[in-house]
Amino acid sequence: MSAAPVIAPTTGLDALLDDVRAEAPHIEVLRPSAETAAFAFDAGTAPRRVSDGDGPAVAFPATPAEVQQLVRLSARHRVSIVPRGAGTGLSGGATASADQLVVSTARLDRIVEVSPADEVAVVEPGVLNAALNERLAPLGLFYAPDPASWRISTIGGNIATNAGGLRCAKYGVTRESVLALDVVLADGSLVSVGHRSIKGVTGLDLVSLFVGSEGVLGIVVGATVRIRPLPVARRTLSAFFATTAAGADAIGAITASRVRPSVIEFLDQPTLEGIDAAQGSGLRDRGAALLLIELDGFGIDEQTAELSAALTAAGAHVRVESDADAEALWELRRSGRRFDDDQWFAGGDVAVPKSRIAEIFAGFPAIADRHGVSVSAVAHAGDGNLHPVISLRIPPGADPALPPSAVHDAADDVVRAALAVGGTVSGEHGIGTVKRDLAAVELDVRVREAQLALKNALDPAGLFNPGKAL
């Protein structure tokens, strides 16, 4: 295999910060200190105990030109850069050390243009997913990607990880909604890739290369995204089952029908019990597993009738939820799970062919018994993306910050089970630092060589986000 990508030695941070102060005093920069400690982690890697040590240096550019200036100065002093959105990532893609410069895109937060005629919006990377949809709703439009963190995650962060969400079943992941990108490269140049037009095949598809690249190839400073008409109607169906196995098996009944829901979420028995314990809800009283489904568009009565019949034949108790009950159920799905302070846990995501979802859930008890842990999951069942959670109660006297190997070994076994049925180590969270070793198991050596060659071609000095993704 070819040599690993070059990583820039980070020996010039003080000189870099001095030059920023002298040559770009308009850019706010925080020096490494306890104040910046939170910028050393993302949501998936933040420790239970906050460190007293210094975090990284953090810069807050407000324009693409300021990003270019920071990149050029960092290259001058060979200080590596960690691009960062809202820090809601779950794979360690935005972790940073005290000798690195975090470039936050939080202040690049303009919605530059909304064009209903072209069905596009032009946004900066710091725009929150929710803010874009708030702008679009009065126009009868919406932006389809909707990760669970949509209220607080940024479009730039979604692009970095190719984030998915609940509506992936019908509208696809972030990549399907990105037409063009403005990117600052490692030499400080600003390039535009892609097209404003819906169709366009001139040159290689560099947009898809940058989407999901986790900041290792460049810093996205602008995006042209597809927007769509709001559906004329939306309706939520709940389908409860007697067992987790029965609910997982019933996913195939949806695929076999002529109905294509916008959202298909599957919650197993431990997940329902966990939500009830945390929220005081009564989901488990209605069944041991739940398929929570959203239909949208024209012919919604016909869609409801056909899907209800298919799910009832598969053993479900089906209910068409009122608007108020539907809103409550979706909120429970998005944020109802809580993790007790008296438990160790590990999360993540894997994706498998839809026909193998039931097989993965069926394998959880064996993994749990092998490692002495609990294993559960929710799934974006419409595209085979599972979000497993491994948990283990902390015994008296144990350090909450040091989970035993059994927790991580069980999480790895879930990933290996997904790979064994033709799946992938991550459907939407990305690789970051957390899954680099597992990605190496999935990817062929020649494919990994090709990816490293692309990284080295665009970033020969290893300036951007070293040690992540690849």
Protein backbone atom coordinates (compact mmCIF):
# COMPACT_ATOMS: atom_id res chain seq x y z
CA MET A 1 0.00 0.00 0.00
CA SER A 2 1.18 3.54 -0.68
CA ALA A 3 2.47 5.78 2.08
CA ALA A 4 0.01 7.48 4.38
CA PRO A 5 -0.93 11.09 3.57
CA VAL A 6 1.55 13.71 4.68
CA ILE A 7 0.64 15.43 7.94
CA ALA A 8 1.89 18.95 8.43
CA PRO A 9 4.08 19.36 11.52
CA THR A 10 2.48 21.89 13.82
CA THR A 11 5.38 23.90 15.16
CA GLY A 12 4.41 27.43 14.19
CA LEU A 13 1.14 28.13 15.99
CA ASP A 14 2.42 31.09 17.99
CA ALA A 15 3.94 32.64 14.86
CA LEU A 16 0.71 32.04 12.97
CA LEU A 17 -1.39 33.75 15.62
CA ASP A 18 1.01 36.67 15.68
CA ASP A 19 0.71 37.02 11.90
CA VAL A 20 -3.09 36.83 12.04
CA ARG A 21 -3.10 39.62 14.61
CA ALA A 22 -0.75 41.71 12.45
CA GLU A 23 -2.13 41.02 8.97
CA ALA A 24 -5.78 40.18 9.64
CA PRO A 25 -6.76 41.90 12.88
CA HIS A 26 -10.40 41.95 11.79
CA ILE A 27 -10.62 38.15 12.21
CA GLU A 28 -11.43 37.11 15.78
CA VAL A 29 -9.07 34.43 17.02
CA LEU A 30 -8.97 32.77 20.42
CA ARG A 31 -5.61 31.50 21.60
CA PRO A 32 -5.40 28.00 23.16
CA SER A 33 -6.87 28.20 26.65
CA ALA A 34 -9.41 26.59 28.93
CA GLU A 35 -11.98 28.81 27.20
CA THR A 36 -11.49 26.85 23.96
CA ALA A 37 -11.53 23.38 25.55
CA ALA A 38 -14.96 22.60 24.10
CA PHE A 39 -13.51 22.99 20.59
CA ALA A 40 -11.25 19.98 21.15
CA PHE A 41 -14.20 17.60 20.72
CA ASP A 42 -17.41 17.07 18.82
CA ALA A 43 -20.65 15.76 20.29
CA GLY A 44 -19.60 12.16 19.80
CA THR A 45 -16.20 12.42 21.49
CA ALA A 46 -16.79 14.91 24.32
CA PRO A 47 -15.63 13.40 27.63
CA ARG A 48 -17.86 13.07 30.66
CA ARG A 49 -15.33 15.07 32.65
CA VAL A 50 -14.29 18.41 31.19
CA SER A 51 -10.52 18.72 30.99
CA ASP A 52 -8.72 21.57 32.74
CA GLY A 53 -6.19 21.72 29.89
CA ASP A 54 -6.05 24.10 26.98
CA GLY A 55 -8.14 23.64 23.90
CA PRO A 56 -7.02 24.55 20.37
CA ALA A 57 -6.71 27.98 18.84
CA VAL A 58 -10.03 28.96 17.21
CA ALA A 59 -10.64 31.43 14.39
CA PHE A 60 -14.03 32.87 13.46
CA PRO A 61 -13.89 34.14 9.87
CA ALA A 62 -16.97 35.96 8.62
CA THR A 63 -16.32 35.87 4.84
CA PRO A 64 -14.85 33.42 2.32
CA ALA A 65 -11.96 35.86 1.81
CA GLU A 66 -11.14 35.63 5.51
CA VAL A 67 -11.12 31.82 5.27
CA GLN A 68 -8.67 32.11 2.37
CA GLN A 69 -6.44 34.41 4.40
CA LEU A 70 -6.40 32.01 7.35
CA VAL A 71 -5.55 29.06 5.11
CA ARG A 72 -2.65 30.91 3.48
CA LEU A 73 -1.24 31.99 6.83
CA SER A 74 -1.62 28.48 8.25
CA ALA A 75 0.18 27.05 5.23
CA ARG A 76 2.98 29.59 5.69
CA HIS A 77 3.60 28.32 9.23
CA ARG A 78 2.68 24.67 8.56
CA VAL A 79 -0.09 24.66 11.15
CA SER A 80 -2.82 22.14 10.42
CA ILE A 81 -6.45 23.27 10.25
CA VAL A 82 -9.56 21.60 11.61
CA PRO A 83 -12.73 22.93 9.89
CA ARG A 84 -15.70 23.02 12.26
CA GLY A 85 -19.41 23.68 11.97
CA ALA A 86 -21.66 23.47 15.02
CA GLY A 87 -19.74 20.58 16.56
CA THR A 88 -22.75 18.23 16.49
CA GLY A 89 -20.85 15.46 14.70
CA LEU A 90 -20.67 12.01 16.23
CA SER A 91 -17.51 10.48 14.76
CA GLY A 92 -14.66 12.72 15.95
CA GLY A 93 -14.34 14.53 12.65
CA ALA A 94 -13.95 17.93 14.35
CA THR A 95 -11.62 16.96 17.19
CA ALA A 96 -8.57 19.21 17.56
CA SER A 97 -5.41 19.46 19.64
CA ALA A 98 -3.85 22.51 21.28
CA ASP A 99 -1.31 22.93 18.47
CA GLN A 100 -3.93 23.14 15.72
CA LEU A 101 -6.12 25.95 14.39
CA VAL A 102 -9.86 25.34 14.37
CA VAL A 103 -11.55 27.36 11.63
CA SER A 104 -15.17 27.79 12.67
CA THR A 105 -17.71 28.50 9.94
CA ALA A 106 -20.35 29.63 12.45
CA ARG A 107 -20.23 33.27 11.27
CA LEU A 108 -20.53 32.40 7.59
CA ASP A 109 -24.27 32.18 8.12
CA ARG A 110 -25.91 34.09 5.28
CA ILE A 111 -28.71 32.75 3.14
CA VAL A 112 -27.40 34.44 0.02
CA GLU A 113 -30.27 33.67 -2.35
CA VAL A 114 -33.51 31.75 -2.64
CA SER A 115 -34.72 31.15 -6.19
CA PRO A 116 -38.11 29.41 -6.39
CA ALA A 117 -37.94 29.54 -10.19
CA ASP A 118 -34.70 27.56 -10.27
CA GLU A 119 -35.60 25.52 -7.18
CA VAL A 120 -32.27 26.35 -5.53
CA ALA A 121 -30.95 28.22 -2.51
CA VAL A 122 -27.43 29.56 -2.13
CA VAL A 123 -26.18 29.44 1.45
CA GLU A 124 -23.02 29.82 3.47
CA PRO A 125 -21.89 26.82 5.53
CA GLY A 126 -22.84 28.25 8.93
CA VAL A 127 -26.55 28.40 8.09
CA LEU A 128 -28.51 26.11 10.39
CA ASN A 129 -30.59 23.46 8.71
CA ALA A 130 -33.63 24.71 10.63
CA ALA A 131 -32.97 28.34 9.69
CA LEU A 132 -33.02 27.53 6.00
CA ASN A 133 -36.36 25.76 6.32
CA GLU A 134 -37.78 28.63 8.35
CA ARG A 135 -36.86 30.95 5.47
CA LEU A 136 -38.34 28.60 2.88
CA ALA A 137 -41.63 27.68 4.57
CA PRO A 138 -43.50 30.96 3.80
CA LEU A 139 -42.60 30.40 0.15
CA GLY A 140 -44.15 26.92 0.20
CA LEU A 141 -40.74 25.29 -0.12
CA PHE A 142 -38.43 23.10 1.97
CA TYR A 143 -34.89 21.69 2.09
CA ALA A 144 -35.21 17.92 2.34
CA PRO A 145 -32.21 16.62 4.38
CA ASP A 146 -33.23 16.47 8.05
CA PRO A 147 -30.68 14.93 10.42
CA ALA A 148 -31.93 14.46 13.97
CA SER A 149 -29.83 17.50 14.94
CA TRP A 150 -31.49 19.66 12.25
CA ARG A 151 -32.34 22.41 14.72
CA ILE A 152 -28.69 22.97 15.68
CA SER A 153 -26.52 21.45 12.93
CA THR A 154 -25.21 23.53 10.05
CA ILE A 155 -25.53 22.97 6.33
CA GLY A 156 -21.72 22.93 6.11
CA GLY A 157 -21.46 20.24 8.74
CA ASN A 158 -24.19 18.24 7.00
CA ILE A 159 -22.20 18.49 3.77
CA ALA A 160 -18.97 17.44 5.50
CA THR A 161 -20.49 14.15 6.68
CA ASN A 162 -23.08 13.70 3.91
CA ALA A 163 -25.65 13.71 6.69
CA GLY A 164 -28.86 11.80 6.24
CA GLY A 165 -31.93 12.04 8.41
CA LEU A 166 -35.44 10.76 8.65
CA ARG A 167 -36.64 11.83 5.20
CA CYS A 168 -33.87 9.88 3.43
CA ALA A 169 -36.39 7.17 2.59
CA LYS A 170 -37.86 9.38 -0.13
CA TYR A 171 -35.54 12.33 -0.66
CA GLY A 172 -32.08 10.87 -0.14
CA VAL A 173 -29.09 12.07 1.86
CA THR A 174 -27.42 15.48 1.68
CA ARG A 175 -25.51 14.60 -1.51
CA GLU A 176 -28.81 14.35 -3.43
CA SER A 177 -29.61 17.96 -2.54
CA VAL A 178 -26.25 19.64 -3.28
CA LEU A 179 -25.70 21.00 -6.78
CA ALA A 180 -22.59 23.16 -6.38
CA LEU A 181 -19.97 24.11 -3.81
CA ASP A 182 -17.49 26.93 -3.24
CA VAL A 183 -14.39 25.49 -1.59
CA VAL A 184 -11.17 26.98 -0.24
CA LEU A 185 -8.28 24.67 -1.10
CA ALA A 186 -5.00 24.15 0.74
CA ASP A 187 -3.17 26.84 -1.27
CA GLY A 188 -5.82 29.40 -0.30
CA SER A 189 -7.49 29.43 -3.71
CA LEU A 190 -11.28 29.58 -3.93
CA VAL A 191 -12.84 27.23 -6.48
CA SER A 192 -16.41 26.54 -7.53
CA VAL A 193 -17.45 23.01 -8.47
CA GLY A 194 -20.76 21.73 -9.76
CA HIS A 195 -23.62 23.56 -11.45
CA ARG A 196 -26.55 25.80 -10.60
CA SER A 197 -28.58 23.86 -13.15
CA ILE A 198 -30.28 20.67 -11.98
CA LYS A 199 -28.41 18.71 -14.65
CA GLY A 200 -24.75 19.01 -15.55
CA VAL A 201 -22.01 16.53 -16.45
CA THR A 202 -19.11 18.75 -17.50
CA GLY A 203 -15.95 17.33 -15.96
CA LEU A 204 -15.62 14.91 -13.07
CA ASP A 205 -18.21 15.04 -10.29
CA LEU A 206 -16.16 16.97 -7.76
CA VAL A 207 -19.24 17.94 -5.78
CA SER A 208 -19.74 14.32 -4.74
CA LEU A 209 -16.03 14.15 -3.90
CA PHE A 210 -16.26 17.03 -1.44
CA VAL A 211 -19.63 16.04 0.03
CA GLY A 212 -18.84 13.60 2.82
CA SER A 213 -15.10 14.32 2.76
CA GLU A 214 -15.13 15.48 6.42
CA GLY A 215 -12.97 18.54 5.83
CA VAL A 216 -9.86 16.66 4.68
CA LEU A 217 -9.88 18.14 1.15
CA GLY A 218 -10.89 21.77 1.68
CA ILE A 219 -13.22 24.14 3.51
CA VAL A 220 -16.69 24.62 2.04
CA VAL A 221 -17.63 28.31 2.14
CA GLY A 222 -20.77 28.23 -0.03
CA ALA A 223 -23.33 25.76 -1.30
CA THR A 224 -26.05 25.76 -3.93
CA VAL A 225 -28.71 23.33 -2.75
CA ARG A 226 -31.93 21.99 -4.18
CA ILE A 227 -35.20 23.11 -2.63
CA ARG A 228 -38.57 21.49 -3.19
CA PRO A 229 -42.27 22.34 -2.93
CA LEU A 230 -43.80 21.53 0.41
CA PRO A 231 -46.03 18.46 0.04
CA VAL A 232 -49.73 19.20 -0.26
CA ALA A 233 -50.36 16.86 2.64
CA ARG A 234 -48.50 14.90 5.30
CA ARG A 235 -49.80 12.09 7.47
CA THR A 236 -48.27 9.97 10.22
CA LEU A 237 -49.02 6.28 10.70
CA SER A 238 -47.90 4.27 13.70
CA ALA A 239 -47.59 0.49 13.39
CA PHE A 240 -46.94 -1.38 16.64
CA PHE A 241 -45.91 -5.03 16.75
CA ALA A 242 -45.85 -7.78 19.36
CA THR A 243 -42.10 -8.33 19.04
CA THR A 244 -39.02 -6.63 17.67
CA ALA A 245 -38.58 -9.47 15.19
CA ALA A 246 -42.13 -9.06 13.86
CA GLY A 247 -41.63 -5.33 13.37
CA ALA A 248 -38.28 -5.75 11.61
CA ASP A 249 -39.74 -8.40 9.31
CA ALA A 250 -42.61 -6.06 8.39
CA ILE A 251 -40.25 -3.52 6.83
CA GLY A 252 -40.30 -5.71 3.74
CA ALA A 253 -44.08 -5.30 3.50
CA ILE A 254 -43.57 -1.56 2.94
CA THR A 255 -41.03 -2.18 0.21
CA ALA A 256 -43.36 -4.67 -1.47
CA SER A 257 -46.22 -2.16 -1.52
CA ARG A 258 -46.67 0.60 -4.09
CA VAL A 259 -46.37 3.28 -1.42
CA ARG A 260 -43.12 5.18 -0.91
CA PRO A 261 -43.27 6.97 2.46
CA SER A 262 -41.10 9.99 3.10
CA VAL A 263 -40.06 8.61 6.49
CA ILE A 264 -39.87 5.05 7.85
CA GLU A 265 -38.42 4.79 11.36
CA PHE A 266 -38.10 1.54 13.29
CA LEU A 267 -37.74 1.45 17.09
CA ASP A 268 -37.05 -1.85 18.84
CA GLN A 269 -38.31 -2.94 22.26
CA PRO A 270 -35.36 -1.69 24.38
CA THR A 271 -35.60 1.69 22.63
CA LEU A 272 -39.30 2.03 23.41
CA GLU A 273 -38.64 1.08 27.03
CA GLY A 274 -35.79 3.58 27.25
CA ILE A 275 -37.91 6.41 25.84
CA ASP A 276 -40.74 5.60 28.25
CA ALA A 277 -38.34 5.60 31.22
CA ALA A 278 -36.88 8.94 30.20
CA GLN A 279 -40.02 10.72 29.05
CA GLY A 280 -42.89 9.10 30.92
CA SER A 281 -44.49 8.14 27.61
CA GLY A 282 -46.52 4.96 27.15
CA LEU A 283 -45.11 3.56 23.92
CA ARG A 284 -44.37 0.13 25.31
CA ASP A 285 -48.02 -0.23 26.35
CA ARG A 286 -48.95 -0.12 22.65
CA GLY A 287 -46.49 -2.81 21.53
CA ALA A 288 -42.94 -4.13 21.65
CA ALA A 289 -41.70 -2.49 18.44
CA LEU A 290 -42.77 0.50 16.37
CA LEU A 291 -42.66 1.47 12.73
CA LEU A 292 -43.30 5.22 12.65
CA ILE A 293 -44.15 6.34 9.12
CA GLU A 294 -44.79 9.64 7.39
CA LEU A 295 -46.63 9.80 4.07
CA ASP A 296 -46.69 12.91 1.96
CA GLY A 297 -47.97 14.24 -1.35
CA PHE A 298 -51.09 13.75 -3.41
CA GLY A 299 -53.35 10.74 -3.03
CA ILE A 300 -52.62 10.51 0.66
CA ASP A 301 -55.88 8.69 1.43
CA GLU A 302 -55.02 6.03 -1.14
CA GLN A 303 -51.47 5.76 0.23
CA THR A 304 -52.83 5.39 3.75
CA ALA A 305 -55.28 2.67 2.78
CA GLU A 306 -52.75 0.57 0.89
CA LEU A 307 -50.00 0.83 3.46
CA SER A 308 -52.35 0.21 6.38
CA ALA A 309 -53.58 -2.96 4.72
CA ALA A 310 -50.04 -4.17 4.05
CA LEU A 311 -48.89 -3.55 7.60
CA THR A 312 -52.01 -5.03 9.16
CA ALA A 313 -51.46 -8.18 7.12
CA ALA A 314 -47.90 -8.24 8.52
CA GLY A 315 -49.24 -8.29 12.08
CA ALA A 316 -49.25 -4.60 12.96
CA HIS A 317 -51.72 -2.59 14.95
CA VAL A 318 -51.96 0.47 12.70
CA ARG A 319 -53.21 3.91 13.69
CA VAL A 320 -53.46 7.14 11.73
CA GLU A 321 -52.17 9.68 14.23
CA SER A 322 -53.70 13.10 14.80
CA ASP A 323 -51.47 16.09 14.06
CA ALA A 324 -50.82 16.67 17.77
CA ASP A 325 -50.07 13.02 18.50
CA ALA A 326 -47.89 12.78 15.41
CA GLU A 327 -45.82 15.78 16.50
CA ALA A 328 -45.33 14.22 19.93
CA LEU A 329 -44.27 10.88 18.43
CA TRP A 330 -41.77 12.46 16.07
CA GLU A 331 -40.27 14.46 18.92
CA LEU A 332 -39.91 11.27 20.95
CA ARG A 333 -38.18 9.64 18.01
CA ARG A 334 -35.76 12.52 17.50
CA SER A 335 -34.83 13.32 21.07
CA GLY A 336 -36.63 10.94 23.41
CA ARG A 337 -33.73 8.60 24.10
CA ARG A 338 -31.68 9.50 27.15
CA PHE A 339 -28.54 7.88 28.51
CA ASP A 340 -28.30 7.61 32.26
CA ASP A 341 -25.24 8.90 34.08
CA ASP A 342 -24.94 5.50 35.74
CA GLN A 343 -24.30 3.73 32.41
CA TRP A 344 -21.45 3.47 29.97
CA PHE A 345 -22.61 3.60 26.39
CA ALA A 346 -21.33 3.69 22.82
CA GLY A 347 -23.34 4.80 19.82
CA GLY A 348 -22.77 4.96 16.11
CA ASP A 349 -24.35 4.06 12.83
CA VAL A 350 -24.15 1.36 10.20
CA ALA A 351 -26.09 0.80 6.99
CA VAL A 352 -27.18 -2.46 5.39
CA PRO A 353 -29.34 -3.50 2.44
CA LYS A 354 -32.96 -3.07 3.50
CA SER A 355 -33.65 -6.78 3.08
CA ARG A 356 -31.07 -7.55 5.82
CA ILE A 357 -32.32 -5.17 8.54
CA ALA A 358 -34.24 -7.90 10.35
CA GLU A 359 -31.15 -10.11 10.32
CA ILE A 360 -29.09 -7.43 12.05
CA PHE A 361 -31.69 -6.93 14.79
CA ALA A 362 -31.93 -10.70 15.24
CA GLY A 363 -28.19 -10.81 15.91
CA PHE A 364 -28.24 -8.28 18.75
CA PRO A 365 -28.98 -10.77 21.59
CA ALA A 366 -25.94 -12.88 20.70
CA ILE A 367 -23.68 -9.81 20.71
CA ALA A 368 -25.16 -8.67 24.01
CA ASP A 369 -24.61 -12.09 25.62
CA ARG A 370 -21.06 -12.38 24.26
CA HIS A 371 -19.95 -9.12 25.84
CA GLY A 372 -22.30 -8.79 28.80
CA VAL A 373 -23.87 -5.56 27.53
CA SER A 374 -27.23 -4.31 26.26
CA VAL A 375 -27.70 -3.71 22.53
CA SER A 376 -30.57 -1.81 20.92
CA ALA A 377 -31.12 0.39 17.88
CA VAL A 378 -33.36 2.74 16.02
CA ALA A 379 -33.27 2.59 12.24
CA HIS A 380 -34.00 4.75 9.26
CA ALA A 381 -35.69 1.68 7.88
CA GLY A 382 -36.39 3.23 4.50
CA ASP A 383 -32.70 3.13 3.57
CA GLY A 384 -31.24 0.54 5.93
CA ASN A 385 -29.39 2.94 8.23
CA LEU A 386 -29.27 1.72 11.85
CA HIS A 387 -28.19 3.66 14.94
CA PRO A 388 -27.19 1.07 17.54
CA VAL A 389 -26.51 1.86 21.18
CA ILE A 390 -24.37 -0.37 23.39
CA SER A 391 -24.84 0.20 27.13
CA LEU A 392 -23.55 -1.24 30.39
CA ARG A 393 -24.37 -0.19 33.93
CA ILE A 394 -21.40 1.29 35.80
CA PRO A 395 -20.58 -0.73 38.93
CA PRO A 396 -19.89 1.08 42.22
CA GLY A 397 -16.41 2.55 42.37
CA ALA A 398 -15.75 2.35 38.61
CA ASP A 399 -14.63 5.40 36.66
CA PRO A 400 -17.51 6.66 34.47
CA ALA A 401 -14.97 8.13 32.05
CA LEU A 402 -13.31 4.76 31.37
CA PRO A 403 -15.74 2.27 29.81
CA PRO A 404 -14.46 -1.31 29.64
CA SER A 405 -13.39 -2.84 26.35
CA ALA A 406 -16.59 -4.89 26.26
CA VAL A 407 -18.60 -1.79 25.30
CA HIS A 408 -16.42 -0.92 22.33
CA ASP A 409 -15.92 -4.56 21.32
CA ALA A 410 -19.67 -5.03 21.14
CA ALA A 411 -20.01 -1.89 19.03
CA ASP A 412 -17.34 -3.22 16.68
CA ASP A 413 -19.20 -6.54 16.44
CA VAL A 414 -22.34 -4.70 15.30
CA VAL A 415 -20.30 -3.04 12.56
CA ARG A 416 -18.76 -6.35 11.51
CA ALA A 417 -22.24 -7.91 11.40
CA ALA A 418 -23.31 -5.13 9.03
CA LEU A 419 -20.28 -5.70 6.81
CA ALA A 420 -21.02 -9.42 6.70
CA VAL A 421 -24.39 -8.79 5.01
CA GLY A 422 -23.09 -6.29 2.46
CA GLY A 423 -23.39 -3.17 4.59
CA THR A 424 -21.08 -0.30 5.45
CA VAL A 425 -19.46 1.02 8.63
CA SER A 426 -21.25 4.37 8.43
CA GLY A 427 -24.36 5.54 6.65
CA GLU A 428 -24.31 9.20 7.67
CA HIS A 429 -22.18 9.97 10.74
CA GLY A 430 -18.89 9.69 8.88
CA ILE A 431 -15.58 8.06 9.75
CA GLY A 432 -13.74 10.80 11.65
CA THR A 433 -11.37 9.30 14.20
CA VAL A 434 -13.83 6.80 15.64
CA LYS A 435 -14.16 4.45 12.66
CA ARG A 436 -10.90 4.74 10.75
CA ASP A 437 -9.80 1.20 11.65
CA LEU A 438 -13.19 -0.24 10.70
CA ALA A 439 -13.22 1.68 7.41
CA ALA A 440 -9.92 0.01 6.60
CA VAL A 441 -11.66 -3.35 7.04
CA GLU A 442 -14.40 -2.38 4.59
CA LEU A 443 -12.36 -0.71 1.87
CA ASP A 444 -10.16 -2.58 -0.56
CA VAL A 445 -6.46 -1.68 -0.38
CA ARG A 446 -6.48 -0.23 -3.90
CA VAL A 447 -9.50 1.91 -3.05
CA ARG A 448 -7.74 3.25 0.02
CA GLU A 449 -4.69 4.04 -2.08
CA ALA A 450 -6.87 5.98 -4.52
CA GLN A 451 -8.45 7.98 -1.69
CA LEU A 452 -5.06 8.85 -0.23
CA ALA A 453 -3.85 9.88 -3.68
CA LEU A 454 -6.77 12.31 -3.99
CA LYS A 455 -6.01 13.73 -0.56
CA ASN A 456 -2.35 14.21 -1.40
CA ALA A 457 -3.13 15.77 -4.77
CA LEU A 458 -5.41 18.42 -3.25
CA ASP A 459 -3.57 18.87 0.05
CA PRO A 460 0.07 17.80 -0.43
CA ALA A 461 1.22 19.32 2.87
CA GLY A 462 -1.49 17.61 4.90
CA LEU A 463 -2.93 20.94 6.04
CA PHE A 464 -6.59 19.98 6.42
CA ASN A 465 -7.92 17.81 9.26
CA PRO A 466 -5.02 15.34 9.50
CA GLY A 467 -5.70 11.95 11.01
CA LYS A 468 -9.42 11.98 10.08
CA ALA A 469 -11.56 9.94 7.72
CA LEU A 470 -8.83 8.29 5.61
